[in-house]
Amino acid sequence: MPPLNADERTTLESWLDFYRTTLAMKCQGLDDTQLRTAAAAPSTLTLLGLVQHMAEVERNWFRRVLAGESVPPIHDPRADTAGHDGGFAVSETSSYATALATWQGEIEHARANCAERALDDTAAFMGGRVGLRWIYTHMIAEYARHCGHADLLRERIDGATGM
């Protein structure tokens, strides 16, 4: 639970970490077969795909945009035949252990890139400037949306709720 009365930066970072932890908890106790199960037909969305996607999202916002790093996509967007982008597709060789390690690595890069910046710091984006505060807020919304998806997927897989 994020602190109820903290400064702005602590509040933003705490909510982002809360949702990162929530997504990881939704995956706990499942095997790779369950994690790659598209449990809410007709959607092809899986818990493993969500973890892979969030690694891509972390990389995009905190490395490419905020830090200006030139890093390639983690997952080949052409591999996704369902029309998604950004890591949602799960290949035959995808594993949760690999996806989790990659995602955690991107989170560590994100934390390091944010630690040296103020909330008012900006980076070039789409012909303008985007602030770290905005990126944090966007990431909280992105995780919250996908944690809702994860809730539904997990409940359909094994009935677990409220984790």
N, C-alpha and C. Protein backbone atom coordinates (compact mmCIF):
# COMPACT_ATOMS: atom_id res chain seq x y z
N MET A 1 0.85 -1.18 0.00
CA MET A 1 0.00 0.00 0.00
C MET A 1 0.89 1.24 0.00
N PRO A 2 0.68 2.12 -0.96
CA PRO A 2 1.45 3.37 -0.96
C PRO A 2 1.13 4.20 0.28
N PRO A 3 2.08 5.04 0.71
CA PRO A 3 1.82 5.87 1.88
C PRO A 3 0.64 6.81 1.64
N LEU A 4 -0.12 7.04 2.69
CA LEU A 4 -1.32 7.87 2.58
C LEU A 4 -1.02 9.36 2.60
N ASN A 5 0.15 9.74 3.11
CA ASN A 5 0.47 11.15 3.21
C ASN A 5 1.97 11.32 3.02
N ALA A 6 2.37 11.47 1.76
CA ALA A 6 3.79 11.61 1.44
C ALA A 6 3.96 12.73 0.42
N ASP A 7 5.19 13.10 0.17
CA ASP A 7 5.46 14.11 -0.85
C ASP A 7 5.09 13.54 -2.22
N GLU A 8 5.03 14.42 -3.21
CA GLU A 8 4.56 14.03 -4.53
C GLU A 8 5.41 12.92 -5.16
N ARG A 9 6.71 13.05 -5.12
CA ARG A 9 7.56 12.06 -5.75
C ARG A 9 7.40 10.70 -5.09
N THR A 10 7.41 10.68 -3.77
CA THR A 10 7.24 9.41 -3.05
C THR A 10 5.89 8.79 -3.39
N THR A 11 4.87 9.62 -3.49
CA THR A 11 3.53 9.13 -3.83
C THR A 11 3.53 8.51 -5.23
N LEU A 12 4.08 9.21 -6.21
CA LEU A 12 4.11 8.69 -7.58
C LEU A 12 4.93 7.40 -7.66
N GLU A 13 6.12 7.41 -7.10
CA GLU A 13 6.96 6.21 -7.15
C GLU A 13 6.31 5.05 -6.41
N SER A 14 5.65 5.32 -5.30
CA SER A 14 5.02 4.26 -4.52
C SER A 14 3.84 3.64 -5.25
N TRP A 15 3.02 4.47 -5.92
CA TRP A 15 1.92 3.91 -6.68
C TRP A 15 2.42 3.10 -7.87
N LEU A 16 3.47 3.57 -8.52
CA LEU A 16 4.04 2.80 -9.63
C LEU A 16 4.56 1.46 -9.13
N ASP A 17 5.27 1.46 -8.02
CA ASP A 17 5.78 0.21 -7.46
C ASP A 17 4.64 -0.70 -6.99
N PHE A 18 3.57 -0.11 -6.47
CA PHE A 18 2.40 -0.89 -6.05
C PHE A 18 1.85 -1.69 -7.22
N TYR A 19 1.69 -1.04 -8.36
CA TYR A 19 1.14 -1.74 -9.53
C TYR A 19 2.14 -2.71 -10.14
N ARG A 20 3.41 -2.39 -10.11
CA ARG A 20 4.41 -3.36 -10.56
C ARG A 20 4.31 -4.63 -9.72
N THR A 21 4.22 -4.46 -8.42
CA THR A 21 4.11 -5.60 -7.50
C THR A 21 2.81 -6.36 -7.73
N THR A 22 1.72 -5.63 -7.96
CA THR A 22 0.43 -6.27 -8.20
C THR A 22 0.49 -7.19 -9.41
N LEU A 23 1.09 -6.71 -10.51
CA LEU A 23 1.20 -7.55 -11.71
C LEU A 23 2.02 -8.81 -11.41
N ALA A 24 3.11 -8.66 -10.71
CA ALA A 24 3.94 -9.82 -10.36
C ALA A 24 3.14 -10.80 -9.49
N MET A 25 2.37 -10.28 -8.56
CA MET A 25 1.57 -11.14 -7.68
C MET A 25 0.50 -11.91 -8.46
N LYS A 26 -0.05 -11.30 -9.48
CA LYS A 26 -1.07 -11.98 -10.29
C LYS A 26 -0.49 -13.20 -11.01
N CYS A 27 0.82 -13.21 -11.19
CA CYS A 27 1.48 -14.32 -11.89
C CYS A 27 2.01 -15.39 -10.94
N GLN A 28 2.11 -15.07 -9.66
CA GLN A 28 2.70 -16.01 -8.70
C GLN A 28 1.89 -17.29 -8.58
N GLY A 29 2.62 -18.40 -8.50
CA GLY A 29 1.99 -19.69 -8.28
C GLY A 29 1.45 -20.36 -9.53
N LEU A 30 1.63 -19.74 -10.69
CA LEU A 30 1.18 -20.34 -11.94
C LEU A 30 2.36 -20.90 -12.70
N ASP A 31 2.13 -21.96 -13.46
CA ASP A 31 3.20 -22.49 -14.29
C ASP A 31 3.17 -21.81 -15.66
N ASP A 32 4.18 -22.10 -16.49
CA ASP A 32 4.28 -21.43 -17.79
C ASP A 32 3.05 -21.68 -18.66
N THR A 33 2.48 -22.87 -18.59
CA THR A 33 1.29 -23.17 -19.38
C THR A 33 0.14 -22.25 -18.97
N GLN A 34 -0.07 -22.10 -17.68
CA GLN A 34 -1.13 -21.21 -17.20
C GLN A 34 -0.84 -19.75 -17.56
N LEU A 35 0.41 -19.35 -17.44
CA LEU A 35 0.78 -17.96 -17.72
C LEU A 35 0.64 -17.61 -19.20
N ARG A 36 0.65 -18.60 -20.06
CA ARG A 36 0.48 -18.36 -21.48
C ARG A 36 -0.94 -18.66 -21.95
N THR A 37 -1.85 -18.88 -21.00
CA THR A 37 -3.25 -19.19 -21.31
C THR A 37 -4.04 -17.90 -21.56
N ALA A 38 -4.68 -17.85 -22.71
CA ALA A 38 -5.58 -16.75 -23.03
C ALA A 38 -6.94 -17.12 -22.44
N ALA A 39 -7.19 -16.66 -21.23
CA ALA A 39 -8.31 -17.16 -20.43
C ALA A 39 -9.61 -16.39 -20.59
N ALA A 40 -9.62 -15.36 -21.41
CA ALA A 40 -10.83 -14.57 -21.59
C ALA A 40 -11.15 -14.45 -23.08
N ALA A 41 -11.57 -15.57 -23.67
CA ALA A 41 -11.88 -15.61 -25.11
C ALA A 41 -12.90 -14.53 -25.46
N PRO A 42 -12.79 -13.93 -26.64
CA PRO A 42 -11.93 -14.28 -27.75
C PRO A 42 -10.55 -13.62 -27.70
N SER A 43 -10.25 -12.90 -26.64
CA SER A 43 -8.96 -12.22 -26.52
C SER A 43 -7.81 -13.22 -26.47
N THR A 44 -6.69 -12.84 -27.05
CA THR A 44 -5.47 -13.66 -26.99
C THR A 44 -4.53 -13.20 -25.89
N LEU A 45 -4.97 -12.25 -25.07
CA LEU A 45 -4.15 -11.69 -24.01
C LEU A 45 -3.83 -12.74 -22.94
N THR A 46 -2.55 -12.76 -22.50
CA THR A 46 -2.11 -13.69 -21.47
C THR A 46 -1.34 -12.93 -20.39
N LEU A 47 -1.20 -13.55 -19.23
CA LEU A 47 -0.39 -12.95 -18.17
C LEU A 47 1.06 -12.82 -18.61
N LEU A 48 1.59 -13.83 -19.28
CA LEU A 48 2.96 -13.76 -19.77
C LEU A 48 3.10 -12.62 -20.77
N GLY A 49 2.14 -12.45 -21.66
CA GLY A 49 2.16 -11.35 -22.61
C GLY A 49 2.12 -10.00 -21.92
N LEU A 50 1.36 -9.90 -20.82
CA LEU A 50 1.32 -8.64 -20.08
C LEU A 50 2.67 -8.30 -19.47
N VAL A 51 3.35 -9.30 -18.92
CA VAL A 51 4.68 -9.06 -18.34
C VAL A 51 5.65 -8.63 -19.43
N GLN A 52 5.62 -9.32 -20.57
CA GLN A 52 6.50 -8.94 -21.68
C GLN A 52 6.18 -7.52 -22.14
N HIS A 53 4.90 -7.20 -22.24
CA HIS A 53 4.49 -5.87 -22.68
C HIS A 53 4.98 -4.79 -21.72
N MET A 54 4.85 -5.04 -20.43
CA MET A 54 5.26 -4.02 -19.47
C MET A 54 6.77 -3.82 -19.47
N ALA A 55 7.53 -4.84 -19.81
CA ALA A 55 8.97 -4.65 -19.99
C ALA A 55 9.21 -3.69 -21.15
N GLU A 56 8.46 -3.87 -22.25
CA GLU A 56 8.58 -2.96 -23.40
C GLU A 56 8.19 -1.54 -23.01
N VAL A 57 7.12 -1.40 -22.25
CA VAL A 57 6.64 -0.07 -21.85
C VAL A 57 7.65 0.62 -20.95
N GLU A 58 8.18 -0.12 -19.97
CA GLU A 58 9.23 0.44 -19.10
C GLU A 58 10.40 0.92 -19.95
N ARG A 59 10.84 0.07 -20.89
CA ARG A 59 11.98 0.41 -21.75
C ARG A 59 11.68 1.67 -22.56
N ASN A 60 10.49 1.73 -23.13
CA ASN A 60 10.15 2.86 -23.97
C ASN A 60 10.17 4.18 -23.20
N TRP A 61 9.43 4.24 -22.11
CA TRP A 61 9.28 5.52 -21.42
C TRP A 61 10.50 5.94 -20.62
N PHE A 62 11.12 5.01 -19.93
CA PHE A 62 12.22 5.41 -19.03
C PHE A 62 13.59 5.34 -19.69
N ARG A 63 13.72 4.60 -20.76
CA ARG A 63 15.01 4.55 -21.44
C ARG A 63 14.99 5.35 -22.74
N ARG A 64 14.09 5.00 -23.66
CA ARG A 64 14.06 5.70 -24.94
C ARG A 64 13.65 7.16 -24.79
N VAL A 65 12.53 7.40 -24.13
CA VAL A 65 12.01 8.77 -24.04
C VAL A 65 12.78 9.57 -22.99
N LEU A 66 12.72 9.15 -21.73
CA LEU A 66 13.30 9.95 -20.66
C LEU A 66 14.81 10.11 -20.79
N ALA A 67 15.52 9.00 -21.01
CA ALA A 67 16.98 9.05 -21.04
C ALA A 67 17.56 9.22 -22.45
N GLY A 68 16.70 9.13 -23.46
CA GLY A 68 17.18 9.30 -24.83
C GLY A 68 18.07 8.16 -25.31
N GLU A 69 17.96 7.00 -24.69
CA GLU A 69 18.77 5.84 -25.09
C GLU A 69 18.25 5.26 -26.40
N SER A 70 19.15 4.78 -27.21
CA SER A 70 18.77 4.11 -28.45
C SER A 70 18.82 2.60 -28.20
N VAL A 71 17.73 2.06 -27.71
CA VAL A 71 17.65 0.62 -27.41
C VAL A 71 16.56 0.00 -28.27
N PRO A 72 16.81 -1.20 -28.79
CA PRO A 72 15.83 -1.84 -29.67
C PRO A 72 14.67 -2.42 -28.87
N PRO A 73 13.58 -2.77 -29.57
CA PRO A 73 12.50 -3.48 -28.88
C PRO A 73 13.02 -4.80 -28.31
N ILE A 74 12.42 -5.22 -27.23
CA ILE A 74 12.79 -6.50 -26.62
C ILE A 74 12.19 -7.64 -27.43
N HIS A 75 10.95 -7.46 -27.86
CA HIS A 75 10.22 -8.50 -28.58
C HIS A 75 9.93 -8.04 -30.00
N ASP A 76 9.97 -8.96 -30.93
CA ASP A 76 9.72 -8.65 -32.33
C ASP A 76 8.23 -8.38 -32.53
N PRO A 77 7.85 -7.13 -32.87
CA PRO A 77 6.43 -6.83 -33.04
C PRO A 77 5.80 -7.59 -34.20
N ARG A 78 6.59 -8.07 -35.15
CA ARG A 78 6.05 -8.84 -36.28
C ARG A 78 5.60 -10.23 -35.85
N ALA A 79 6.03 -10.66 -34.66
CA ALA A 79 5.69 -12.01 -34.19
C ALA A 79 4.25 -12.09 -33.69
N ASP A 80 3.61 -10.97 -33.50
CA ASP A 80 2.27 -10.94 -32.94
C ASP A 80 1.23 -10.94 -34.05
N THR A 81 0.62 -12.09 -34.29
CA THR A 81 -0.37 -12.20 -35.35
C THR A 81 -1.74 -11.70 -34.92
N ALA A 82 -1.94 -11.39 -33.65
CA ALA A 82 -3.24 -10.92 -33.17
C ALA A 82 -3.41 -9.41 -33.39
N GLY A 83 -2.39 -8.75 -33.90
CA GLY A 83 -2.50 -7.33 -34.17
C GLY A 83 -2.06 -6.45 -33.01
N HIS A 84 -1.61 -7.05 -31.93
CA HIS A 84 -1.10 -6.27 -30.81
C HIS A 84 0.31 -5.80 -31.14
N ASP A 85 0.83 -4.92 -30.31
CA ASP A 85 2.23 -4.55 -30.44
C ASP A 85 2.83 -4.49 -29.06
N GLY A 86 4.13 -4.34 -29.00
CA GLY A 86 4.78 -4.12 -27.73
C GLY A 86 4.90 -5.31 -26.80
N GLY A 87 5.15 -6.50 -27.33
CA GLY A 87 5.47 -7.63 -26.47
C GLY A 87 4.33 -8.52 -26.06
N PHE A 88 3.11 -8.23 -26.46
CA PHE A 88 1.98 -9.06 -26.05
C PHE A 88 2.06 -10.49 -26.58
N ALA A 89 2.64 -10.67 -27.75
CA ALA A 89 2.69 -12.01 -28.36
C ALA A 89 3.60 -12.93 -27.58
N VAL A 90 3.15 -14.14 -27.37
CA VAL A 90 3.92 -15.16 -26.65
C VAL A 90 4.34 -16.21 -27.67
N SER A 91 5.64 -16.40 -27.81
CA SER A 91 6.14 -17.40 -28.76
C SER A 91 6.31 -18.74 -28.06
N GLU A 92 6.63 -19.75 -28.84
CA GLU A 92 6.86 -21.09 -28.27
C GLU A 92 8.05 -21.10 -27.32
N THR A 93 8.97 -20.18 -27.52
CA THR A 93 10.17 -20.15 -26.67
C THR A 93 10.05 -19.17 -25.51
N SER A 94 8.96 -18.43 -25.44
CA SER A 94 8.77 -17.47 -24.34
C SER A 94 8.63 -18.23 -23.02
N SER A 95 9.28 -17.71 -21.99
CA SER A 95 9.12 -18.31 -20.67
C SER A 95 8.93 -17.20 -19.65
N TYR A 96 8.23 -17.52 -18.59
CA TYR A 96 8.01 -16.53 -17.55
C TYR A 96 9.32 -16.15 -16.87
N ALA A 97 10.20 -17.10 -16.64
CA ALA A 97 11.47 -16.79 -15.98
C ALA A 97 12.24 -15.74 -16.77
N THR A 98 12.29 -15.90 -18.07
CA THR A 98 13.00 -14.94 -18.92
C THR A 98 12.26 -13.61 -18.95
N ALA A 99 10.95 -13.65 -19.11
CA ALA A 99 10.16 -12.42 -19.16
C ALA A 99 10.27 -11.66 -17.85
N LEU A 100 10.22 -12.36 -16.73
CA LEU A 100 10.31 -11.72 -15.42
C LEU A 100 11.68 -11.06 -15.23
N ALA A 101 12.73 -11.77 -15.58
CA ALA A 101 14.08 -11.21 -15.44
C ALA A 101 14.25 -9.97 -16.33
N THR A 102 13.73 -10.03 -17.53
CA THR A 102 13.81 -8.89 -18.45
C THR A 102 13.03 -7.70 -17.90
N TRP A 103 11.81 -7.96 -17.44
CA TRP A 103 10.96 -6.91 -16.88
C TRP A 103 11.62 -6.28 -15.65
N GLN A 104 12.13 -7.12 -14.75
CA GLN A 104 12.80 -6.59 -13.56
C GLN A 104 14.03 -5.77 -13.94
N GLY A 105 14.76 -6.21 -14.95
CA GLY A 105 15.91 -5.44 -15.43
C GLY A 105 15.50 -4.07 -15.95
N GLU A 106 14.39 -4.02 -16.68
CA GLU A 106 13.91 -2.73 -17.19
C GLU A 106 13.44 -1.82 -16.05
N ILE A 107 12.85 -2.42 -15.02
CA ILE A 107 12.44 -1.63 -13.85
C ILE A 107 13.66 -1.03 -13.17
N GLU A 108 14.73 -1.79 -13.05
CA GLU A 108 15.96 -1.27 -12.45
C GLU A 108 16.54 -0.13 -13.28
N HIS A 109 16.54 -0.28 -14.60
CA HIS A 109 16.98 0.83 -15.46
C HIS A 109 16.11 2.05 -15.24
N ALA A 110 14.80 1.84 -15.14
CA ALA A 110 13.87 2.95 -14.93
C ALA A 110 14.19 3.67 -13.63
N ARG A 111 14.35 2.92 -12.57
CA ARG A 111 14.65 3.54 -11.28
C ARG A 111 15.95 4.35 -11.34
N ALA A 112 16.96 3.80 -11.97
CA ALA A 112 18.25 4.50 -12.08
C ALA A 112 18.10 5.77 -12.91
N ASN A 113 17.36 5.70 -14.02
CA ASN A 113 17.19 6.87 -14.87
C ASN A 113 16.35 7.95 -14.19
N CYS A 114 15.44 7.56 -13.34
CA CYS A 114 14.60 8.54 -12.63
C CYS A 114 15.32 9.14 -11.43
N ALA A 115 16.17 8.39 -10.79
CA ALA A 115 16.83 8.84 -9.56
C ALA A 115 17.62 10.13 -9.77
N GLU A 116 18.17 10.30 -10.95
CA GLU A 116 19.01 11.47 -11.21
C GLU A 116 18.23 12.66 -11.78
N ARG A 117 16.89 12.54 -11.82
CA ARG A 117 16.08 13.60 -12.41
C ARG A 117 15.03 14.11 -11.43
N ALA A 118 14.66 15.37 -11.61
CA ALA A 118 13.57 15.97 -10.83
C ALA A 118 12.25 15.73 -11.57
N LEU A 119 11.14 15.81 -10.86
CA LEU A 119 9.84 15.63 -11.48
C LEU A 119 9.59 16.62 -12.60
N ASP A 120 10.18 17.80 -12.51
CA ASP A 120 10.00 18.83 -13.53
C ASP A 120 10.93 18.67 -14.73
N ASP A 121 11.87 17.74 -14.66
CA ASP A 121 12.76 17.50 -15.80
C ASP A 121 11.94 17.00 -16.98
N THR A 122 12.37 17.39 -18.18
CA THR A 122 11.65 17.00 -19.39
C THR A 122 12.58 16.32 -20.38
N ALA A 123 11.94 15.66 -21.34
CA ALA A 123 12.67 15.00 -22.42
C ALA A 123 11.90 15.24 -23.72
N ALA A 124 12.62 15.16 -24.82
CA ALA A 124 11.99 15.34 -26.12
C ALA A 124 11.00 14.21 -26.37
N PHE A 125 9.81 14.59 -26.91
CA PHE A 125 8.80 13.59 -27.21
C PHE A 125 7.79 14.16 -28.20
N MET A 126 7.65 13.50 -29.33
CA MET A 126 6.65 13.84 -30.34
C MET A 126 6.69 15.33 -30.71
N GLY A 127 7.85 15.86 -30.92
CA GLY A 127 8.00 17.25 -31.32
C GLY A 127 7.85 18.26 -30.20
N GLY A 128 7.74 17.77 -28.97
CA GLY A 128 7.61 18.66 -27.83
C GLY A 128 8.44 18.14 -26.67
N ARG A 129 7.98 18.43 -25.47
CA ARG A 129 8.67 18.00 -24.26
C ARG A 129 7.67 17.27 -23.37
N VAL A 130 8.14 16.24 -22.71
CA VAL A 130 7.33 15.50 -21.75
C VAL A 130 8.08 15.47 -20.43
N GLY A 131 7.36 15.69 -19.33
CA GLY A 131 7.99 15.73 -18.02
C GLY A 131 7.98 14.38 -17.32
N LEU A 132 8.92 14.21 -16.42
CA LEU A 132 8.98 12.97 -15.63
C LEU A 132 7.68 12.78 -14.86
N ARG A 133 7.11 13.84 -14.33
CA ARG A 133 5.83 13.75 -13.60
C ARG A 133 4.76 13.11 -14.50
N TRP A 134 4.69 13.58 -15.75
CA TRP A 134 3.71 13.05 -16.70
C TRP A 134 3.99 11.57 -16.98
N ILE A 135 5.27 11.23 -17.15
CA ILE A 135 5.64 9.83 -17.42
C ILE A 135 5.22 8.95 -16.26
N TYR A 136 5.51 9.37 -15.04
CA TYR A 136 5.07 8.59 -13.87
C TYR A 136 3.56 8.39 -13.89
N THR A 137 2.82 9.47 -14.12
CA THR A 137 1.36 9.38 -14.12
C THR A 137 0.87 8.44 -15.22
N HIS A 138 1.46 8.55 -16.40
CA HIS A 138 1.10 7.67 -17.50
C HIS A 138 1.39 6.21 -17.15
N MET A 139 2.54 5.96 -16.56
CA MET A 139 2.91 4.59 -16.22
C MET A 139 1.97 4.00 -15.16
N ILE A 140 1.57 4.80 -14.19
CA ILE A 140 0.61 4.34 -13.18
C ILE A 140 -0.69 3.93 -13.87
N ALA A 141 -1.16 4.75 -14.79
CA ALA A 141 -2.39 4.43 -15.52
C ALA A 141 -2.22 3.18 -16.38
N GLU A 142 -1.09 3.05 -17.04
CA GLU A 142 -0.81 1.87 -17.88
C GLU A 142 -0.82 0.60 -17.03
N TYR A 143 -0.14 0.63 -15.91
CA TYR A 143 -0.12 -0.55 -15.03
C TYR A 143 -1.50 -0.83 -14.45
N ALA A 144 -2.21 0.20 -14.02
CA ALA A 144 -3.54 -0.01 -13.43
C ALA A 144 -4.47 -0.69 -14.43
N ARG A 145 -4.45 -0.23 -15.67
CA ARG A 145 -5.28 -0.84 -16.72
C ARG A 145 -4.91 -2.31 -16.90
N HIS A 146 -3.61 -2.59 -17.00
CA HIS A 146 -3.19 -3.97 -17.25
C HIS A 146 -3.33 -4.85 -16.01
N CYS A 147 -3.26 -4.28 -14.83
CA CYS A 147 -3.54 -5.08 -13.63
C CYS A 147 -5.01 -5.49 -13.59
N GLY A 148 -5.88 -4.65 -14.11
CA GLY A 148 -7.29 -5.04 -14.25
C GLY A 148 -7.44 -6.22 -15.20
N HIS A 149 -6.71 -6.18 -16.32
CA HIS A 149 -6.71 -7.32 -17.23
C HIS A 149 -6.19 -8.56 -16.51
N ALA A 150 -5.11 -8.38 -15.77
CA ALA A 150 -4.50 -9.51 -15.05
C ALA A 150 -5.47 -10.11 -14.03
N ASP A 151 -6.25 -9.25 -13.37
CA ASP A 151 -7.27 -9.75 -12.43
C ASP A 151 -8.21 -10.73 -13.11
N LEU A 152 -8.72 -10.31 -14.26
CA LEU A 152 -9.68 -11.15 -14.98
C LEU A 152 -9.03 -12.44 -15.48
N LEU A 153 -7.83 -12.32 -16.04
CA LEU A 153 -7.14 -13.52 -16.54
C LEU A 153 -6.88 -14.51 -15.42
N ARG A 154 -6.36 -14.01 -14.30
CA ARG A 154 -6.03 -14.90 -13.18
C ARG A 154 -7.29 -15.58 -12.63
N GLU A 155 -8.36 -14.84 -12.50
CA GLU A 155 -9.59 -15.44 -11.98
C GLU A 155 -10.10 -16.53 -12.92
N ARG A 156 -9.99 -16.32 -14.22
CA ARG A 156 -10.43 -17.33 -15.18
C ARG A 156 -9.52 -18.55 -15.19
N ILE A 157 -8.24 -18.36 -14.87
CA ILE A 157 -7.30 -19.49 -14.87
C ILE A 157 -7.51 -20.40 -13.67
N ASP A 158 -7.57 -19.83 -12.48
CA ASP A 158 -7.66 -20.70 -11.29
C ASP A 158 -8.60 -20.19 -10.20
N GLY A 159 -9.36 -19.16 -10.51
CA GLY A 159 -10.32 -18.65 -9.53
C GLY A 159 -9.76 -17.69 -8.50
N ALA A 160 -8.44 -17.46 -8.51
CA ALA A 160 -7.82 -16.58 -7.51
C ALA A 160 -8.24 -15.14 -7.75
N THR A 161 -8.64 -14.46 -6.69
CA THR A 161 -9.03 -13.06 -6.76
C THR A 161 -8.41 -12.30 -5.59
N GLY A 162 -8.40 -10.98 -5.73
CA GLY A 162 -8.00 -10.11 -4.62
C GLY A 162 -6.58 -10.18 -4.17
N MET A 163 -5.70 -10.62 -5.05
CA MET A 163 -4.29 -10.74 -4.66
C MET A 163 -3.64 -9.40 -4.69
